[in-house]
N, C-alpha and C. Protein backbone atom coordinates (compact mmCIF):
# COMPACT_ATOMS: atom_id res chain seq x y z
N UNK A 1 -22.61 20.57 -17.49
CA UNK A 1 -22.38 19.89 -16.23
C UNK A 1 -22.78 20.82 -15.10
N UNK A 2 -23.46 20.28 -14.14
CA UNK A 2 -23.89 21.08 -13.01
C UNK A 2 -22.93 20.90 -11.84
N UNK A 3 -23.01 21.82 -10.88
CA UNK A 3 -22.17 21.73 -9.70
C UNK A 3 -22.68 20.60 -8.82
N UNK A 4 -21.76 19.79 -8.30
CA UNK A 4 -22.13 18.70 -7.41
C UNK A 4 -21.09 18.58 -6.31
N UNK A 5 -21.53 18.11 -5.16
CA UNK A 5 -20.60 17.84 -4.08
C UNK A 5 -21.04 16.58 -3.34
N UNK A 6 -20.08 15.89 -2.76
CA UNK A 6 -20.39 14.70 -1.98
C UNK A 6 -19.32 14.54 -0.93
N UNK A 7 -19.63 13.79 0.12
CA UNK A 7 -18.63 13.50 1.14
C UNK A 7 -18.69 12.02 1.48
N UNK A 8 -17.56 11.49 1.91
CA UNK A 8 -17.46 10.09 2.28
C UNK A 8 -16.70 10.03 3.60
N UNK A 9 -17.37 9.55 4.64
CA UNK A 9 -16.77 9.42 5.96
C UNK A 9 -16.25 8.00 6.11
N UNK A 10 -14.96 7.86 6.40
CA UNK A 10 -14.33 6.55 6.51
C UNK A 10 -14.38 5.98 7.92
N UNK A 11 -14.74 6.78 8.89
CA UNK A 11 -14.82 6.33 10.28
C UNK A 11 -13.96 7.19 11.18
N UNK A 12 -14.17 7.03 12.47
CA UNK A 12 -13.44 7.83 13.45
C UNK A 12 -11.94 7.61 13.29
N UNK A 13 -11.21 8.72 13.16
CA UNK A 13 -9.77 8.66 13.02
C UNK A 13 -9.28 8.24 11.64
N UNK A 14 -10.19 7.99 10.69
CA UNK A 14 -9.78 7.54 9.35
C UNK A 14 -9.99 8.60 8.29
N UNK A 15 -10.57 9.72 8.65
CA UNK A 15 -10.69 10.83 7.71
C UNK A 15 -12.00 10.87 6.95
N UNK A 16 -12.14 11.93 6.20
CA UNK A 16 -13.31 12.18 5.36
C UNK A 16 -12.83 12.72 4.03
N UNK A 17 -13.48 12.29 2.97
CA UNK A 17 -13.16 12.79 1.63
C UNK A 17 -14.33 13.62 1.13
N UNK A 18 -14.03 14.84 0.71
CA UNK A 18 -15.03 15.71 0.12
C UNK A 18 -14.69 15.87 -1.36
N UNK A 19 -15.66 15.71 -2.22
CA UNK A 19 -15.47 15.89 -3.65
C UNK A 19 -16.42 16.98 -4.13
N UNK A 20 -15.87 17.98 -4.80
CA UNK A 20 -16.67 19.07 -5.35
C UNK A 20 -16.39 19.12 -6.84
N UNK A 21 -17.45 19.03 -7.64
CA UNK A 21 -17.31 19.08 -9.10
C UNK A 21 -17.97 20.37 -9.59
N UNK A 22 -17.17 21.15 -10.30
CA UNK A 22 -17.65 22.41 -10.85
C UNK A 22 -17.57 22.36 -12.36
N UNK A 23 -18.46 23.06 -13.04
CA UNK A 23 -18.40 23.06 -14.51
C UNK A 23 -17.14 23.77 -14.99
N UNK A 24 -16.58 23.27 -16.08
CA UNK A 24 -15.42 23.90 -16.68
C UNK A 24 -15.84 25.09 -17.54
N UNK A 25 -14.97 26.08 -17.58
CA UNK A 25 -15.21 27.19 -18.49
C UNK A 25 -14.26 27.02 -19.66
N UNK A 26 -14.66 27.42 -20.85
CA UNK A 26 -13.77 27.28 -22.00
C UNK A 26 -12.50 28.10 -21.80
N UNK A 27 -11.36 27.52 -22.13
CA UNK A 27 -10.07 28.20 -22.01
C UNK A 27 -9.43 28.25 -23.39
N UNK A 28 -8.96 29.42 -23.76
CA UNK A 28 -8.27 29.58 -25.03
C UNK A 28 -6.81 29.16 -24.85
N UNK A 29 -6.34 28.27 -25.69
CA UNK A 29 -4.93 27.88 -25.65
C UNK A 29 -4.08 29.04 -26.15
N UNK A 30 -2.93 29.22 -25.53
CA UNK A 30 -2.01 30.29 -25.89
C UNK A 30 -0.76 29.66 -26.49
N UNK A 31 -0.37 30.09 -27.64
CA UNK A 31 0.83 29.56 -28.29
C UNK A 31 2.06 30.11 -27.56
N UNK A 32 2.90 29.21 -27.09
CA UNK A 32 4.15 29.59 -26.44
C UNK A 32 5.29 29.13 -27.34
N UNK A 33 5.78 30.03 -28.15
CA UNK A 33 6.80 29.69 -29.14
C UNK A 33 8.16 29.42 -28.51
N UNK A 34 8.33 29.78 -27.22
CA UNK A 34 9.60 29.54 -26.54
C UNK A 34 9.62 28.16 -25.88
N UNK A 35 8.51 27.50 -25.81
CA UNK A 35 8.42 26.21 -25.15
C UNK A 35 8.82 25.09 -26.10
N UNK A 36 9.48 24.06 -25.57
CA UNK A 36 9.86 22.90 -26.37
C UNK A 36 8.79 21.82 -26.34
N UNK A 37 7.79 22.00 -25.54
CA UNK A 37 6.71 21.02 -25.41
C UNK A 37 5.71 21.18 -26.55
N UNK A 38 5.14 20.07 -26.99
CA UNK A 38 4.10 20.14 -28.03
C UNK A 38 2.73 20.37 -27.41
N UNK A 39 2.65 20.34 -26.07
CA UNK A 39 1.39 20.56 -25.39
C UNK A 39 1.08 22.06 -25.36
N UNK A 40 -0.20 22.44 -25.52
CA UNK A 40 -0.55 23.86 -25.45
C UNK A 40 -0.40 24.40 -24.03
N UNK A 41 -0.10 25.69 -23.93
CA UNK A 41 -0.03 26.35 -22.63
C UNK A 41 -1.35 27.06 -22.38
N UNK A 42 -1.74 27.14 -21.14
CA UNK A 42 -2.98 27.82 -20.77
C UNK A 42 -2.67 28.94 -19.81
N UNK A 43 -3.32 30.06 -20.00
CA UNK A 43 -3.16 31.20 -19.10
C UNK A 43 -4.05 30.96 -17.89
N UNK A 44 -3.45 30.65 -16.76
CA UNK A 44 -4.20 30.41 -15.53
C UNK A 44 -4.16 31.62 -14.60
N UNK A 45 -3.74 32.77 -15.14
CA UNK A 45 -3.70 33.99 -14.36
C UNK A 45 -5.11 34.32 -13.85
N UNK A 46 -5.23 34.53 -12.56
CA UNK A 46 -6.53 34.87 -11.97
C UNK A 46 -7.32 33.67 -11.50
N UNK A 47 -6.87 32.45 -11.78
CA UNK A 47 -7.56 31.25 -11.31
C UNK A 47 -7.26 31.08 -9.82
N UNK A 48 -8.27 30.81 -9.04
CA UNK A 48 -8.11 30.61 -7.60
C UNK A 48 -8.44 29.17 -7.25
N UNK A 49 -7.66 28.60 -6.33
CA UNK A 49 -7.85 27.23 -5.88
C UNK A 49 -8.00 27.25 -4.37
N UNK A 50 -8.98 26.53 -3.89
CA UNK A 50 -9.24 26.44 -2.45
C UNK A 50 -8.59 25.17 -1.94
N UNK A 51 -7.59 25.29 -1.07
CA UNK A 51 -6.88 24.14 -0.52
C UNK A 51 -7.40 23.90 0.90
N UNK A 52 -7.88 22.66 1.14
CA UNK A 52 -8.42 22.31 2.45
C UNK A 52 -7.72 21.05 2.93
N UNK A 53 -7.15 21.11 4.11
CA UNK A 53 -6.54 19.93 4.75
C UNK A 53 -6.41 20.25 6.23
N UNK A 54 -6.69 19.27 7.09
CA UNK A 54 -6.59 19.54 8.52
C UNK A 54 -5.14 19.49 9.01
N UNK A 55 -4.23 19.01 8.19
CA UNK A 55 -2.80 19.03 8.52
C UNK A 55 -2.19 20.29 7.91
N UNK A 56 -1.76 21.19 8.76
CA UNK A 56 -1.24 22.49 8.29
C UNK A 56 -0.06 22.32 7.33
N UNK A 57 0.86 21.40 7.63
CA UNK A 57 2.03 21.22 6.75
C UNK A 57 1.61 20.77 5.35
N UNK A 58 0.68 19.81 5.28
CA UNK A 58 0.20 19.33 3.98
C UNK A 58 -0.51 20.44 3.23
N UNK A 59 -1.34 21.19 3.92
CA UNK A 59 -2.08 22.29 3.31
C UNK A 59 -1.13 23.35 2.75
N UNK A 60 -0.14 23.72 3.53
CA UNK A 60 0.81 24.73 3.09
C UNK A 60 1.65 24.25 1.91
N UNK A 61 2.03 22.96 1.92
CA UNK A 61 2.81 22.41 0.82
C UNK A 61 2.01 22.42 -0.49
N UNK A 62 0.77 21.95 -0.42
CA UNK A 62 -0.08 21.93 -1.63
C UNK A 62 -0.30 23.35 -2.13
N UNK A 63 -0.56 24.29 -1.23
CA UNK A 63 -0.74 25.68 -1.64
C UNK A 63 0.54 26.22 -2.30
N UNK A 64 1.70 25.86 -1.77
CA UNK A 64 2.97 26.29 -2.35
C UNK A 64 3.16 25.72 -3.76
N UNK A 65 2.86 24.42 -3.92
CA UNK A 65 3.04 23.77 -5.22
C UNK A 65 2.12 24.38 -6.25
N UNK A 66 0.90 24.68 -5.86
CA UNK A 66 -0.05 25.28 -6.80
C UNK A 66 0.34 26.70 -7.11
């Protein structure tokens, strides 16, 4: 998969949506024997996420959750 980006302008005062698609890198699943979930755990240490929003409160909340 190649990198792709697109934008969609909804009109004045209605916002814009930007979509960026990046290729995935293979991730090794890590067995977490202390977890009760049957889903594999992934080591996301070192992964960086770029949060963009023109509303500071929304941006800060999403950054906090991530």
